[in-house]
């Protein structure tokens, strides 16, 4: 059986490690990863999408669906009204894009 030896210098042993610096470095690397382009979602959406936006949509969309399901179960009249208003907003947005309005 082989034994490996690791030799440290006295300076390396006495070197202080700052926990705050390690945490800042980790925070920066996580933010860089989150702000990087997500290839899959960018291909689907046909514009640049960051991982941060993809994660937000992955959390927010199901949460909104649950809230919607609870609302439909509790009050059908409000749900139908909200659905009609949403359709009207989409219609106006599409009409504005086709007509050149902004």
Protein backbone atom coordinates (compact mmCIF):
# COMPACT_ATOMS: atom_id res chain seq x y z
CA UNK A 1 0.00 0.00 0.00
CA UNK A 2 1.34 3.40 -0.96
CA UNK A 3 1.35 6.35 1.36
CA UNK A 4 1.16 9.92 0.16
CA UNK A 5 2.69 12.72 2.13
CA UNK A 6 1.68 16.34 1.94
CA UNK A 7 4.19 18.93 3.00
CA UNK A 8 3.01 22.36 4.13
CA UNK A 9 5.21 25.36 4.67
CA UNK A 10 4.94 27.28 7.91
CA UNK A 11 3.52 30.27 6.02
CA UNK A 12 0.72 28.16 4.52
CA UNK A 13 -0.21 26.77 7.91
CA UNK A 14 -0.37 30.23 9.49
CA UNK A 15 -2.29 31.81 6.58
CA UNK A 16 -5.65 33.12 7.70
CA UNK A 17 -8.74 32.33 5.69
CA UNK A 18 -11.37 35.03 5.68
CA UNK A 19 -14.86 33.58 5.80
CA UNK A 20 -16.31 36.86 4.52
CA UNK A 21 -14.07 36.68 1.42
CA UNK A 22 -15.12 33.08 0.78
CA UNK A 23 -18.82 33.98 1.09
CA UNK A 24 -18.40 37.02 -1.21
CA UNK A 25 -16.64 34.83 -3.79
CA UNK A 26 -19.41 32.24 -3.61
CA UNK A 27 -22.07 34.97 -3.92
CA UNK A 28 -20.35 36.40 -7.02
CA UNK A 29 -19.98 33.00 -8.67
CA UNK A 30 -23.66 32.13 -8.05
CA UNK A 31 -24.73 35.50 -9.49
CA UNK A 32 -22.53 34.98 -12.56
CA UNK A 33 -24.09 31.55 -13.09
CA UNK A 34 -27.64 32.93 -12.66
CA UNK A 35 -26.98 35.82 -15.07
CA UNK A 36 -25.59 33.52 -17.77
CA UNK A 37 -27.68 32.77 -20.85
CA UNK A 38 -29.87 29.68 -20.68
CA UNK A 39 -29.45 27.95 -24.03
CA UNK A 40 -32.63 25.85 -23.85
CA UNK A 41 -35.02 28.64 -22.83
CA UNK A 42 -33.33 31.10 -25.20
CA UNK A 43 -33.90 28.69 -28.07
CA UNK A 44 -37.54 28.22 -27.09
CA UNK A 45 -38.26 31.93 -26.61
CA UNK A 46 -36.11 33.06 -29.56
CA UNK A 47 -34.50 35.81 -27.46
CA UNK A 48 -31.86 35.77 -24.71
CA UNK A 49 -33.17 34.35 -21.45
CA UNK A 50 -31.00 34.18 -18.33
CA UNK A 51 -31.07 31.30 -15.89
CA UNK A 52 -32.39 33.70 -13.23
CA UNK A 53 -35.46 34.51 -15.39
CA UNK A 54 -35.98 30.82 -16.22
CA UNK A 55 -35.96 29.91 -12.52
CA UNK A 56 -38.31 32.75 -11.65
CA UNK A 57 -40.75 31.62 -14.32
CA UNK A 58 -40.44 28.03 -13.11
CA UNK A 59 -41.46 29.15 -9.61
CA UNK A 60 -43.91 31.97 -10.36
CA UNK A 61 -45.95 30.25 -13.07
CA UNK A 62 -46.93 27.17 -11.01
CA UNK A 63 -47.67 29.40 -8.02
CA UNK A 64 -50.00 31.52 -10.16
CA UNK A 65 -51.69 28.38 -11.45
CA UNK A 66 -52.37 27.23 -7.88
CA UNK A 67 -53.80 30.66 -6.96
CA UNK A 68 -55.96 30.54 -10.09
CA UNK A 69 -57.27 27.07 -9.22
CA UNK A 70 -58.16 28.24 -5.70
CA UNK A 71 -59.94 31.32 -7.10
CA UNK A 72 -61.95 29.26 -9.58
CA UNK A 73 -63.00 26.92 -6.83
CA UNK A 74 -64.00 29.73 -4.47
CA UNK A 75 -65.77 32.19 -6.76
CA UNK A 76 -66.67 31.25 -10.31
CA UNK A 77 -68.12 34.68 -11.24
CA UNK A 78 -64.87 36.50 -10.40
CA UNK A 79 -62.89 33.91 -12.32
CA UNK A 80 -65.02 34.27 -15.45
CA UNK A 81 -64.74 38.07 -15.24
CA UNK A 82 -60.96 37.87 -14.87
CA UNK A 83 -60.76 35.50 -17.84
CA UNK A 84 -62.75 37.94 -19.98
CA UNK A 85 -60.59 40.89 -18.94
CA UNK A 86 -57.43 38.90 -19.69
CA UNK A 87 -58.74 38.03 -23.14
CA UNK A 88 -59.59 41.67 -23.81
CA UNK A 89 -56.08 42.78 -22.76
CA UNK A 90 -54.47 40.20 -25.06
CA UNK A 91 -56.76 41.30 -27.90
CA UNK A 92 -55.78 44.96 -27.39
CA UNK A 93 -52.08 44.09 -27.23
CA UNK A 94 -52.27 42.07 -30.43
CA UNK A 95 -54.29 44.77 -32.16
CA UNK A 96 -51.71 47.36 -31.10
CA UNK A 97 -48.82 45.29 -32.49
CA UNK A 98 -50.51 44.72 -35.84
CA UNK A 99 -51.58 48.34 -36.21
CA UNK A 100 -48.16 49.71 -35.39
CA UNK A 101 -49.33 51.33 -32.15
CA UNK A 102 -47.22 51.29 -29.00
